[in-house]
PDB file of N, CA and C in Angstrom:
ATOM      1  N   MET A   1      25.555  85.601 105.444  1.00  0.00           N
ATOM      2  CA  MET A   1      26.125  86.878 105.831  1.00  0.00           C
ATOM      3  C   MET A   1      27.433  87.082 105.064  1.00  0.00           C
ATOM      4  N   ALA A   2      27.545  88.207 104.409  1.00  0.00           N
ATOM      5  CA  ALA A   2      28.755  88.520 103.643  1.00  0.00           C
ATOM      6  C   ALA A   2      29.875  88.910 104.590  1.00  0.00           C
ATOM      7  N   THR A   3      31.066  88.436 104.295  1.00  0.00           N
ATOM      8  CA  THR A   3      32.209  88.804 105.121  1.00  0.00           C
ATOM      9  C   THR A   3      32.929  89.978 104.481  1.00  0.00           C
ATOM     10  N   LYS A   4      33.399  90.852 105.322  1.00  0.00           N
ATOM     11  CA  LYS A   4      34.155  92.002 104.823  1.00  0.00           C
ATOM     12  C   LYS A   4      35.566  91.561 104.496  1.00  0.00           C
ATOM     13  N   ARG A   5      36.037  92.039 103.379  1.00  0.00           N
ATOM     14  CA  ARG A   5      37.403  91.726 102.972  1.00  0.00           C
ATOM     15  C   ARG A   5      38.361  92.599 103.763  1.00  0.00           C
ATOM     16  N   LYS A   6      39.356  91.978 104.338  1.00  0.00           N
ATOM     17  CA  LYS A   6      40.358  92.736 105.084  1.00  0.00           C
ATOM     18  C   LYS A   6      41.186  93.564 104.121  1.00  0.00           C
ATOM     19  N   PRO A   7      41.425  94.830 104.451  1.00  0.00           N
ATOM     20  CA  PRO A   7      42.306  95.604 103.577  1.00  0.00           C
ATOM     21  C   PRO A   7      43.710  95.022 103.638  1.00  0.00           C
ATOM     22  N   GLN A   8      44.394  95.078 102.518  1.00  0.00           N
ATOM     23  CA  GLN A   8      45.749  94.540 102.507  1.00  0.00           C
ATOM     24  C   GLN A   8      46.675  95.436 103.324  1.00  0.00           C
ATOM     25  N   ALA A   9      47.707  94.844 103.856  1.00  0.00           N
ATOM     26  CA  ALA A   9      48.660  95.600 104.666  1.00  0.00           C
ATOM     27  C   ALA A   9      49.349  96.650 103.812  1.00  0.00           C
ATOM     28  N   ALA A  10      49.632  97.771 104.431  1.00  0.00           N
ATOM     29  CA  ALA A  10      50.311  98.848 103.712  1.00  0.00           C
ATOM     30  C   ALA A  10      51.707  98.399 103.320  1.00  0.00           C
ATOM     31  N   SER A  11      52.053  98.657 102.076  1.00  0.00           N
ATOM     32  CA  SER A  11      53.403  98.350 101.613  1.00  0.00           C
ATOM     33  C   SER A  11      54.333  99.427 102.132  1.00  0.00           C
ATOM     34  N   SER A  12      55.550  99.052 102.395  1.00  0.00           N
ATOM     35  CA  SER A  12      56.544 100.024 102.812  1.00  0.00           C
ATOM     36  C   SER A  12      56.736 101.044 101.696  1.00  0.00           C
ATOM     37  N   ALA A  13      56.807 102.301 102.038  1.00  0.00           N
ATOM     38  CA  ALA A  13      56.920 103.371 101.040  1.00  0.00           C
ATOM     39  C   ALA A  13      58.155 103.218 100.161  1.00  0.00           C
ATOM     40  N   ASP A  14      59.170 102.536 100.657  1.00  0.00           N
ATOM     41  CA  ASP A  14      60.398 102.422  99.855  1.00  0.00           C
ATOM     42  C   ASP A  14      60.308 101.356  98.766  1.00  0.00           C
ATOM     43  N   ARG A  15      59.194 100.657  98.670  1.00  0.00           N
ATOM     44  CA  ARG A  15      59.018  99.634  97.633  1.00  0.00           C
ATOM     45  C   ARG A  15      58.399 100.207  96.360  1.00  0.00           C
ATOM     46  N   TYR A  16      58.068 101.473  96.370  1.00  0.00           N
ATOM     47  CA  TYR A  16      57.418 102.092  95.219  1.00  0.00           C
ATOM     48  C   TYR A  16      58.433 102.684  94.241  1.00  0.00           C
ATOM     49  N   THR A  17      57.935 103.145  93.099  1.00  0.00           N
ATOM     50  CA  THR A  17      58.795 103.610  92.009  1.00  0.00           C
ATOM     51  C   THR A  17      58.848 105.133  91.982  1.00  0.00           C
ATOM     52  N   TYR A  18      59.963 105.678  92.406  1.00  0.00           N
ATOM     53  CA  TYR A  18      60.150 107.125  92.474  1.00  0.00           C
ATOM     54  C   TYR A  18      60.962 107.620  91.282  1.00  0.00           C
ATOM     55  N   ARG A  19      60.725 108.863  90.898  1.00  0.00           N
ATOM     56  CA  ARG A  19      61.506 109.522  89.845  1.00  0.00           C
ATOM     57  C   ARG A  19      61.915 110.899  90.365  1.00  0.00           C
ATOM     58  N   LEU A  20      63.142 111.262  90.074  1.00  0.00           N
ATOM     59  CA  LEU A  20      63.641 112.593  90.428  1.00  0.00           C
ATOM     60  C   LEU A  20      63.995 113.329  89.148  1.00  0.00           C
ATOM     61  N   THR A  21      63.490 114.544  89.013  1.00  0.00           N
ATOM     62  CA  THR A  21      63.803 115.367  87.850  1.00  0.00           C
ATOM     63  C   THR A  21      64.156 116.773  88.312  1.00  0.00           C
ATOM     64  N   TRP A  22      64.884 117.455  87.473  1.00  0.00           N
ATOM     65  CA  TRP A  22      65.262 118.837  87.730  1.00  0.00           C
ATOM     66  C   TRP A  22      64.271 119.745  87.017  1.00  0.00           C
ATOM     67  N   SER A  23      63.743 120.733  87.728  1.00  0.00           N
ATOM     68  CA  SER A  23      62.843 121.712  87.126  1.00  0.00           C
ATOM     69  C   SER A  23      63.640 122.969  86.805  1.00  0.00           C
ATOM     70  N   VAL A  24      63.798 123.238  85.520  1.00  0.00           N
ATOM     71  CA  VAL A  24      64.513 124.445  85.099  1.00  0.00           C
ATOM     72  C   VAL A  24      63.749 125.675  85.567  1.00  0.00           C
ATOM     73  N   LYS A  25      62.427 125.615  85.438  1.00  0.00           N
ATOM     74  CA  LYS A  25      61.575 126.744  85.818  1.00  0.00           C
ATOM     75  C   LYS A  25      61.712 127.077  87.305  1.00  0.00           C
ATOM     76  N   ASP A  26      61.625 126.045  88.151  1.00  0.00           N
ATOM     77  CA  ASP A  26      61.663 126.261  89.601  1.00  0.00           C
ATOM     78  C   ASP A  26      63.068 126.242  90.181  1.00  0.00           C
ATOM     79  N   LYS A  27      64.024 125.731  89.388  1.00  0.00           N
ATOM     80  CA  LYS A  27      65.404 125.569  89.857  1.00  0.00           C
ATOM     81  C   LYS A  27      65.455 124.723  91.130  1.00  0.00           C
ATOM     82  N   LYS A  28      64.668 123.639  91.089  1.00  0.00           N
ATOM     83  CA  LYS A  28      64.595 122.715  92.216  1.00  0.00           C
ATOM     84  C   LYS A  28      64.395 121.299  91.678  1.00  0.00           C
ATOM     85  N   PHE A  29      64.560 120.336  92.559  1.00  0.00           N
ATOM     86  CA  PHE A  29      64.315 118.941  92.207  1.00  0.00           C
ATOM     87  C   PHE A  29      62.867 118.590  92.517  1.00  0.00           C
ATOM     88  N   ILE A  30      62.280 117.773  91.648  1.00  0.00           N
ATOM     89  CA  ILE A  30      60.906 117.320  91.844  1.00  0.00           C
ATOM     90  C   ILE A  30      60.915 115.798  91.925  1.00  0.00           C
ATOM     91  N   ALA A  31      60.355 115.286  93.013  1.00  0.00           N
ATOM     92  CA  ALA A  31      60.197 113.842  93.181  1.00  0.00           C
ATOM     93  C   ALA A  31      58.752 113.482  92.852  1.00  0.00           C
ATOM     94  N   THR A  32      58.580 112.424  92.067  1.00  0.00           N
ATOM     95  CA  THR A  32      57.250 111.906  91.749  1.00  0.00           C
ATOM     96  C   THR A  32      57.248 110.405  92.004  1.00  0.00           C
ATOM     97  N   ILE A  33      56.057 109.830  92.013  1.00  0.00           N
ATOM     98  CA  ILE A  33      55.917 108.401  92.286  1.00  0.00           C
ATOM     99  C   ILE A  33      54.895 107.818  91.319  1.00  0.00           C
ATOM    100  N   VAL A  34      55.287 106.778  90.614  1.00  0.00           N
ATOM    101  CA  VAL A  34      54.455 106.183  89.562  1.00  0.00           C
ATOM    102  C   VAL A  34      53.117 105.699  90.109  1.00  0.00           C
ATOM    103  N   GLU A  35      53.124 105.024  91.242  1.00  0.00           N
ATOM    104  CA  GLU A  35      51.915 104.405  91.777  1.00  0.00           C
ATOM    105  C   GLU A  35      50.923 105.408  92.363  1.00  0.00           C
ATOM    106  N   PHE A  36      51.378 106.626  92.646  1.00  0.00           N
ATOM    107  CA  PHE A  36      50.516 107.688  93.166  1.00  0.00           C
ATOM    108  C   PHE A  36      50.748 108.947  92.319  1.00  0.00           C
ATOM    109  N   PRO A  37      50.188 109.002  91.114  1.00  0.00           N
ATOM    110  CA  PRO A  37      50.503 110.095  90.187  1.00  0.00           C
ATOM    111  C   PRO A  37      50.114 111.492  90.671  1.00  0.00           C
ATOM    112  N   SER A  38      49.252 111.589  91.666  1.00  0.00           N
ATOM    113  CA  SER A  38      48.859 112.913  92.150  1.00  0.00           C
ATOM    114  C   SER A  38      49.820 113.465  93.202  1.00  0.00           C
ATOM    115  N   LEU A  39      50.792 112.669  93.625  1.00  0.00           N
ATOM    116  CA  LEU A  39      51.736 113.104  94.657  1.00  0.00           C
ATOM    117  C   LEU A  39      53.064 113.535  94.054  1.00  0.00           C
ATOM    118  N   SER A  40      53.634 114.591  94.615  1.00  0.00           N
ATOM    119  CA  SER A  40      54.981 115.034  94.231  1.00  0.00           C
ATOM    120  C   SER A  40      55.545 115.867  95.375  1.00  0.00           C
ATOM    121  N   TRP A  41      56.851 116.120  95.303  1.00  0.00           N
ATOM    122  CA  TRP A  41      57.517 116.943  96.318  1.00  0.00           C
ATOM    123  C   TRP A  41      58.624 117.705  95.619  1.00  0.00           C
ATOM    124  N   ILE A  42      58.732 118.976  95.924  1.00  0.00           N
ATOM    125  CA  ILE A  42      59.755 119.823  95.313  1.00  0.00           C
ATOM    126  C   ILE A  42      60.697 120.303  96.410  1.00  0.00           C
ATOM    127  N   ALA A  43      62.006 120.270  96.133  1.00  0.00           N
ATOM    128  CA  ALA A  43      62.996 120.663  97.139  1.00  0.00           C
ATOM    129  C   ALA A  43      64.292 121.098  96.461  1.00  0.00           C
ATOM    130  N   ASP A  44      65.174 121.683  97.259  1.00  0.00           N
ATOM    131  CA  ASP A  44      66.448 122.183  96.738  1.00  0.00           C
ATOM    132  C   ASP A  44      67.437 121.076  96.381  1.00  0.00           C
ATOM    133  N   THR A  45      67.325 119.925  97.044  1.00  0.00           N
ATOM    134  CA  THR A  45      68.256 118.824  96.776  1.00  0.00           C
ATOM    135  C   THR A  45      67.483 117.560  96.401  1.00  0.00           C
ATOM    136  N   ARG A  46      68.193 116.647  95.731  1.00  0.00           N
ATOM    137  CA  ARG A  46      67.575 115.361  95.385  1.00  0.00           C
ATOM    138  C   ARG A  46      67.112 114.639  96.643  1.00  0.00           C
ATOM    139  N   GLN A  47      68.001 114.599  97.620  1.00  0.00           N
ATOM    140  CA  GLN A  47      67.705 113.877  98.855  1.00  0.00           C
ATOM    141  C   GLN A  47      66.483 114.460  99.556  1.00  0.00           C
ATOM    142  N   ALA A  48      66.400 115.775  99.641  1.00  0.00           N
ATOM    143  CA  ALA A  48      65.258 116.406 100.311  1.00  0.00           C
ATOM    144  C   ALA A  48      63.958 116.146  99.554  1.00  0.00           C
ATOM    145  N   ALA A  49      64.018 116.157  98.234  1.00  0.00           N
ATOM    146  CA  ALA A  49      62.818 115.886  97.432  1.00  0.00           C
ATOM    147  C   ALA A  49      62.345 114.453  97.658  1.00  0.00           C
ATOM    148  N   LEU A  50      63.280 113.512  97.619  1.00  0.00           N
ATOM    149  CA  LEU A  50      62.927 112.107  97.810  1.00  0.00           C
ATOM    150  C   LEU A  50      62.428 111.849  99.230  1.00  0.00           C
ATOM    151  N   GLU A  51      63.107 112.408 100.219  1.00  0.00           N
ATOM    152  CA  GLU A  51      62.689 112.210 101.606  1.00  0.00           C
ATOM    153  C   GLU A  51      61.324 112.832 101.865  1.00  0.00           C
ATOM    154  N   GLY A  52      61.080 114.009 101.300  1.00  0.00           N
ATOM    155  CA  GLY A  52      59.786 114.665 101.475  1.00  0.00           C
ATOM    156  C   GLY A  52      58.654 113.840 100.894  1.00  0.00           C
ATOM    157  N   LEU A  53      58.857 113.351  99.680  1.00  0.00           N
ATOM    158  CA  LEU A  53      57.811 112.552  99.041  1.00  0.00           C
ATOM    159  C   LEU A  53      57.620 111.216  99.754  1.00  0.00           C
ATOM    160  N   THR A  54      58.705 110.592 100.173  1.00  0.00           N
ATOM    161  CA  THR A  54      58.595 109.320 100.891  1.00  0.00           C
ATOM    162  C   THR A  54      57.775 109.495 102.164  1.00  0.00           C
ATOM    163  N   SER A  55      57.984 110.591 102.857  1.00  0.00           N
ATOM    164  CA  SER A  55      57.225 110.878 104.070  1.00  0.00           C
ATOM    165  C   SER A  55      55.733 111.030 103.769  1.00  0.00           C
ATOM    166  N   VAL A  56      55.415 111.730 102.691  1.00  0.00           N
ATOM    167  CA  VAL A  56      54.013 111.903 102.292  1.00  0.00           C
ATOM    168  C   VAL A  56      53.400 110.553 101.931  1.00  0.00           C
ATOM    169  N   VAL A  57      54.142 109.735 101.198  1.00  0.00           N
ATOM    170  CA  VAL A  57      53.637 108.417 100.799  1.00  0.00           C
ATOM    171  C   VAL A  57      53.360 107.567 102.038  1.00  0.00           C
ATOM    172  N   GLU A  58      54.239 107.613 103.026  1.00  0.00           N
ATOM    173  CA  GLU A  58      54.013 106.857 104.260  1.00  0.00           C
ATOM    174  C   GLU A  58      52.719 107.299 104.928  1.00  0.00           C
ATOM    175  N   GLU A  59      52.471 108.610 104.966  1.00  0.00           N
ATOM    176  CA  GLU A  59      51.232 109.131 105.551  1.00  0.00           C
ATOM    177  C   GLU A  59      50.013 108.679 104.750  1.00  0.00           C
ATOM    178  N   VAL A  60      50.103 108.758 103.438  1.00  0.00           N
ATOM    179  CA  VAL A  60      48.988 108.352 102.579  1.00  0.00           C
ATOM    180  C   VAL A  60      48.691 106.865 102.764  1.00  0.00           C
ATOM    181  N   LEU A  61      49.730 106.037 102.796  1.00  0.00           N
ATOM    182  CA  LEU A  61      49.535 104.601 103.001  1.00  0.00           C
ATOM    183  C   LEU A  61      48.859 104.330 104.346  1.00  0.00           C
ATOM    184  N   HIS A  62      49.295 105.026 105.368  1.00  0.00           N
ATOM    185  CA  HIS A  62      48.703 104.871 106.701  1.00  0.00           C
ATOM    186  C   HIS A  62      47.226 105.249 106.665  1.00  0.00           C
ATOM    187  N   ASP A  63      46.910 106.389 106.052  1.00  0.00           N
ATOM    188  CA  ASP A  63      45.518 106.845 105.970  1.00  0.00           C
ATOM    189  C   ASP A  63      44.656 105.883 105.153  1.00  0.00           C
ATOM    190  N   MET A  64      45.193 105.404 104.038  1.00  0.00           N
ATOM    191  CA  MET A  64      44.436 104.476 103.193  1.00  0.00           C
ATOM    192  C   MET A  64      44.134 103.183 103.949  1.00  0.00           C
ATOM    193  N   LEU A  65      45.110 102.687 104.666  1.00  0.00           N
ATOM    194  CA  LEU A  65      44.918 101.468 105.442  1.00  0.00           C
ATOM    195  C   LEU A  65      43.868 101.693 106.529  1.00  0.00           C
ATOM    196  N   ALA A  66      43.951 102.834 107.210  1.00  0.00           N
ATOM    197  CA  ALA A  66      42.990 103.153 108.267  1.00  0.00           C
ATOM    198  C   ALA A  66      41.570 103.260 107.725  1.00  0.00           C
ATOM    199  N   GLU A  67      41.433 103.719 106.496  1.00  0.00           N
ATOM    200  CA  GLU A  67      40.114 103.877 105.873  1.00  0.00           C
ATOM    201  C   GLU A  67      39.655 102.617 105.143  1.00  0.00           C
ATOM    202  N   GLY A  68      40.492 101.595 105.124  1.00  0.00           N
ATOM    203  CA  GLY A  68      40.135 100.355 104.454  1.00  0.00           C
ATOM    204  C   GLY A  68      40.214 100.437 102.941  1.00  0.00           C
ATOM    205  N   GLU A  69      40.956 101.418 102.434  1.00  0.00           N
ATOM    206  CA  GLU A  69      41.100 101.579 100.987  1.00  0.00           C
ATOM    207  C   GLU A  69      42.139 100.605 100.445  1.00  0.00           C
ATOM    208  N   GLU A  70      41.990 100.270  99.180  1.00  0.00           N
ATOM    209  CA  GLU A  70      42.944  99.371  98.536  1.00  0.00           C
ATOM    210  C   GLU A  70      44.265 100.103  98.311  1.00  0.00           C
ATOM    211  N   ILE A  71      45.344  99.461  98.702  1.00  0.00           N
ATOM    212  CA  ILE A  71      46.685 100.024  98.573  1.00  0.00           C
ATOM    213  C   ILE A  71      47.250  99.620  97.207  1.00  0.00           C
ATOM    214  N   PRO A  72      47.751 100.578  96.416  1.00  0.00           N
ATOM    215  CA  PRO A  72      48.343 100.204  95.123  1.00  0.00           C
ATOM    216  C   PRO A  72      49.550  99.287  95.317  1.00  0.00           C
ATOM    217  N   SER A  73      49.644  98.281  94.487  1.00  0.00           N
ATOM    218  CA  SER A  73      50.806  97.401  94.580  1.00  0.00           C
ATOM    219  C   SER A  73      52.005  98.089  93.932  1.00  0.00           C
ATOM    220  N   PRO A  74      53.192  97.877  94.480  1.00  0.00           N
ATOM    221  CA  PRO A  74      54.395  98.450  93.876  1.00  0.00           C
ATOM    222  C   PRO A  74      54.570  97.956  92.443  1.00  0.00           C
ATOM    223  N   TRP A  75      55.097  98.797  91.594  1.00  0.00           N
ATOM    224  CA  TRP A  75      55.235  98.505  90.164  1.00  0.00           C
ATOM    225  C   TRP A  75      55.955  97.185  89.912  1.00  0.00           C
ATOM    226  N   ASP A  76      57.060  96.960  90.607  1.00  0.00           N
ATOM    227  CA  ASP A  76      57.853  95.746  90.379  1.00  0.00           C
ATOM    228  C   ASP A  76      57.164  94.474  90.843  1.00  0.00           C
ATOM    229  N   GLU A  77      56.103  94.593  91.609  1.00  0.00           N
ATOM    230  CA  GLU A  77      55.378  93.415  92.072  1.00  0.00           C
ATOM    231  C   GLU A  77      54.191  93.088  91.168  1.00  0.00           C
ATOM    232  N   ARG A  78      53.945  93.903  90.160  1.00  0.00           N
ATOM    233  CA  ARG A  78      52.845  93.669  89.227  1.00  0.00           C
ATOM    234  C   ARG A  78      53.296  92.699  88.144  1.00  0.00           C
ATOM    235  N   THR A  79      52.363  91.939  87.631  1.00  0.00           N
ATOM    236  CA  THR A  79      52.684  91.009  86.554  1.00  0.00           C
ATOM    237  C   THR A  79      52.045  91.492  85.260  1.00  0.00           C
ATOM    238  N   PHE A  80      52.705  91.200  84.159  1.00  0.00           N
ATOM    239  CA  PHE A  80      52.234  91.615  82.847  1.00  0.00           C
ATOM    240  C   PHE A  80      52.219  90.402  81.934  1.00  0.00           C
ATOM    241  N   SER A  81      51.181  90.289  81.119  1.00  0.00           N
ATOM    242  CA  SER A  81      51.013  89.129  80.242  1.00  0.00           C
ATOM    243  C   SER A  81      51.886  89.204  78.996  1.00  0.00           C
ATOM    244  N   GLY A  82      52.323  90.402  78.636  1.00  0.00           N
ATOM    245  CA  GLY A  82      53.071  90.559  77.395  1.00  0.00           C
ATOM    246  C   GLY A  82      52.161  90.873  76.222  1.00  0.00           C
ATOM    247  N   LYS A  83      50.872  91.012  76.488  1.00  0.00           N
ATOM    248  CA  LYS A  83      49.911  91.319  75.425  1.00  0.00           C
ATOM    249  C   LYS A  83      49.163  92.600  75.761  1.00  0.00           C
ATOM    250  N   PHE A  84      48.877  93.389  74.726  1.00  0.00           N
ATOM    251  CA  PHE A  84      47.942  94.494  74.863  1.00  0.00           C
ATOM    252  C   PHE A  84      47.367  94.785  73.488  1.00  0.00           C
ATOM    253  N   ASN A  85      46.130  95.239  73.476  1.00  0.00           N
ATOM    254  CA  ASN A  85      45.473  95.547  72.210  1.00  0.00           C
ATOM    255  C   ASN A  85      45.738  96.995  71.848  1.00  0.00           C
ATOM    256  N   LEU A  86      45.961  97.218  70.580  1.00  0.00           N
ATOM    257  CA  LEU A  86      46.283  98.554  70.105  1.00  0.00           C
ATOM    258  C   LEU A  86      45.404  98.884  68.908  1.00  0.00           C
ATOM    259  N   ARG A  87      44.696 100.000  68.975  1.00  0.00           N
ATOM    260  CA  ARG A  87      43.865 100.443  67.858  1.00  0.00           C
ATOM    261  C   ARG A  87      44.639 101.507  67.089  1.00  0.00           C
ATOM    262  N   LEU A  88      44.911 101.214  65.837  1.00  0.00           N
ATOM    263  CA  LEU A  88      45.738 102.094  65.018  1.00  0.00           C
ATOM    264  C   LEU A  88      44.944 103.032  64.122  1.00  0.00           C
ATOM    265  N   GLY A  89      43.784 102.652  63.721  1.00  0.00           N
ATOM    266  CA  GLY A  89      43.083 103.358  62.663  1.00  0.00           C
ATOM    267  C   GLY A  89      43.480 102.719  61.339  1.00  0.00           C
ATOM    268  N   PRO A  90      42.578 102.687  60.367  1.00  0.00           N
ATOM    269  CA  PRO A  90      42.827 101.970  59.115  1.00  0.00           C
ATOM    270  C   PRO A  90      44.067 102.433  58.348  1.00  0.00           C
ATOM    271  N   ASP A  91      44.303 103.729  58.262  1.00  0.00           N
ATOM    272  CA  ASP A  91      45.445 104.219  57.482  1.00  0.00           C
ATOM    273  C   ASP A  91      46.778 103.813  58.101  1.00  0.00           C
ATOM    274  N   LEU A  92      46.896 103.979  59.410  1.00  0.00           N
ATOM    275  CA  LEU A  92      48.139 103.599  60.083  1.00  0.00           C
ATOM    276  C   LEU A  92      48.314 102.079  60.056  1.00  0.00           C
ATOM    277  N   HIS A  93      47.231 101.340  60.220  1.00  0.00           N
ATOM    278  CA  HIS A  93      47.284  99.875  60.148  1.00  0.00           C
ATOM    279  C   HIS A  93      47.849  99.441  58.794  1.00  0.00           C
ATOM    280  N   LYS A  94      47.353 100.059  57.741  1.00  0.00           N
ATOM    281  CA  LYS A  94      47.823  99.736  56.388  1.00  0.00           C
ATOM    282  C   LYS A  94      49.310 100.047  56.241  1.00  0.00           C
ATOM    283  N   LYS A  95      49.725 101.204  56.767  1.00  0.00           N
ATOM    284  CA  LYS A  95      51.128 101.612  56.674  1.00  0.00           C
ATOM    285  C   LYS A  95      52.033 100.637  57.438  1.00  0.00           C
ATOM    286  N   VAL A  96      51.630 100.267  58.651  1.00  0.00           N
ATOM    287  CA  VAL A  96      52.417  99.331  59.457  1.00  0.00           C
ATOM    288  C   VAL A  96      52.485  97.971  58.765  1.00  0.00           C
ATOM    289  N   ALA A  97      51.371  97.509  58.220  1.00  0.00           N
ATOM    290  CA  ALA A  97      51.346  96.224  57.513  1.00  0.00           C
ATOM    291  C   ALA A  97      52.290  96.246  56.316  1.00  0.00           C
ATOM    292  N   LEU A  98      52.306  97.350  55.580  1.00  0.00           N
ATOM    293  CA  LEU A  98      53.191  97.484  54.420  1.00  0.00           C
ATOM    294  C   LEU A  98      54.659  97.489  54.849  1.00  0.00           C
ATOM    295  N   GLU A  99      54.979  98.272  55.877  1.00  0.00           N
ATOM    296  CA  GLU A  99      56.359  98.331  56.384  1.00  0.00           C
ATOM    297  C   GLU A  99      56.823  96.938  56.818  1.00  0.00           C
ATOM    298  N   ALA A 100      55.967  96.217  57.527  1.00  0.00           N
ATOM    299  CA  ALA A 100      56.320  94.870  57.985  1.00  0.00           C
ATOM    300  C   ALA A 100      56.514  93.927  56.797  1.00  0.00           C
ATOM    301  N   ALA A 101      55.613  93.999  55.838  1.00  0.00           N
ATOM    302  CA  ALA A 101      55.702  93.121  54.661  1.00  0.00           C
ATOM    303  C   ALA A 101      56.980  93.376  53.877  1.00  0.00           C
ATOM    304  N   GLU A 102      57.350  94.645  53.738  1.00  0.00           N
ATOM    305  CA  GLU A 102      58.579  94.983  53.013  1.00  0.00           C
ATOM    306  C   GLU A 102      59.817  94.428  53.702  1.00  0.00           C
ATOM    307  N   ARG A 103      59.736  94.210  55.002  1.00  0.00           N
ATOM    308  CA  ARG A 103      60.864  93.674  55.770  1.00  0.00           C
ATOM    309  C   ARG A 103      60.737  92.157  55.973  1.00  0.00           C
ATOM    310  N   HIS A 104      59.704  91.577  55.385  1.00  0.00           N
ATOM    311  CA  HIS A 104      59.436  90.139  55.530  1.00  0.00           C
ATOM    312  C   HIS A 104      59.286  89.763  56.999  1.00  0.00           C
ATOM    313  N   GLU A 105      58.553  90.607  57.732  1.00  0.00           N
ATOM    314  CA  GLU A 105      58.300  90.389  59.155  1.00  0.00           C
ATOM    315  C   GLU A 105      56.795  90.406  59.395  1.00  0.00           C
ATOM    316  N   SER A 106      56.401  89.809  60.502  1.00  0.00           N
ATOM    317  CA  SER A 106      55.004  89.949  60.915  1.00  0.00           C
ATOM    318  C   SER A 106      54.824  91.369  61.449  1.00  0.00           C
ATOM    319  N   MET A 107      53.591  91.823  61.480  1.00  0.00           N
ATOM    320  CA  MET A 107      53.336  93.148  62.056  1.00  0.00           C
ATOM    321  C   MET A 107      53.772  93.178  63.514  1.00  0.00           C
ATOM    322  N   ASN A 108      53.545  92.093  64.237  1.00  0.00           N
ATOM    323  CA  ASN A 108      53.920  92.019  65.638  1.00  0.00           C
ATOM    324  C   ASN A 108      55.429  92.219  65.809  1.00  0.00           C
ATOM    325  N   THR A 109      56.223  91.493  65.025  1.00  0.00           N
ATOM    326  CA  THR A 109      57.681  91.619  65.097  1.00  0.00           C
ATOM    327  C   THR A 109      58.117  93.033  64.735  1.00  0.00           C
ATOM    328  N   TYR A 110      57.537  93.587  63.684  1.00  0.00           N
ATOM    329  CA  TYR A 110      57.884  94.940  63.252  1.00  0.00           C
ATOM    330  C   TYR A 110      57.597  95.961  64.360  1.00  0.00           C
ATOM    331  N   VAL A 111      56.406  95.886  64.949  1.00  0.00           N
ATOM    332  CA  VAL A 111      56.028  96.852  65.994  1.00  0.00           C
ATOM    333  C   VAL A 111      56.914  96.687  67.226  1.00  0.00           C
ATOM    334  N   ILE A 112      57.222  95.448  67.605  1.00  0.00           N
ATOM    335  CA  ILE A 112      58.110  95.223  68.751  1.00  0.00           C
ATOM    336  C   ILE A 112      59.477  95.854  68.497  1.00  0.00           C
ATOM    337  N   LYS A 113      60.002  95.687  67.301  1.00  0.00           N
ATOM    338  CA  LYS A 113      61.298  96.301  66.969  1.00  0.00           C
ATOM    339  C   LYS A 113      61.210  97.819  67.022  1.00  0.00           C
ATOM    340  N   GLN A 114      60.122  98.381  66.521  1.00  0.00           N
ATOM    341  CA  GLN A 114      59.961  99.833  66.545  1.00  0.00           C
ATOM    342  C   GLN A 114      59.846 100.346  67.978  1.00  0.00           C
ATOM    343  N   LEU A 115      59.108  99.647  68.810  1.00  0.00           N
ATOM    344  CA  LEU A 115      58.996 100.038  70.215  1.00  0.00           C
ATOM    345  C   LEU A 115      60.335  99.901  70.925  1.00  0.00           C
ATOM    346  N   GLY A 116      61.130  98.925  70.530  1.00  0.00           N
ATOM    347  CA  GLY A 116      62.460  98.742  71.106  1.00  0.00           C
ATOM    348  C   GLY A 116      63.361  99.927  70.860  1.00  0.00           C
ATOM    349  N   LEU A 117      63.123 100.654  69.777  1.00  0.00           N
ATOM    350  CA  LEU A 117      63.919 101.849  69.485  1.00  0.00           C
ATOM    351  C   LEU A 117      63.694 102.929  70.527  1.00  0.00           C
ATOM    352  N   ILE A 118      62.542 102.920  71.168  1.00  0.00           N
ATOM    353  CA  ILE A 118      62.212 103.916  72.188  1.00  0.00           C
ATOM    354  C   ILE A 118      63.114 103.759  73.399  1.00  0.00           C
ATOM    355  N   GLU A 119      63.502 102.523  73.716  1.00  0.00           N
ATOM    356  CA  GLU A 119      64.333 102.245  74.891  1.00  0.00           C
ATOM    357  C   GLU A 119      65.733 102.816  74.762  1.00  0.00           C
ATOM    358  N   ALA A 120      66.226 102.952  73.547  1.00  0.00           N
ATOM    359  CA  ALA A 120      67.606 103.379  73.319  1.00  0.00           C
ATOM    360  C   ALA A 120      67.862 104.777  73.813  1.00  0.00           C
TER     361      ALA A 120
END
């Protein structure tokens, strides 16, 4: 007889990754959440936007748990190997290889440095 897997406990809504942005078009603040990309909340103040979205997330977590759905893990609790495969296409691959060779670097080192420029 197969055993049913217990759904994991709902994570507290405050453990998730929220972003607040200003909407020029709406002249309001928009709160979004990385782990639930379909959810957002718009309000006149940062605090109201964040509180509104947090409340919705708490409801969603409660509903998901009640339905036995898998709860997304908070971003900071996820682990990453440091590796990912990237398909460049032959022309871009050749260009990246040439740029790296001209700098006496491996393609990996060159690409990591280029991606590091994005953080600045």
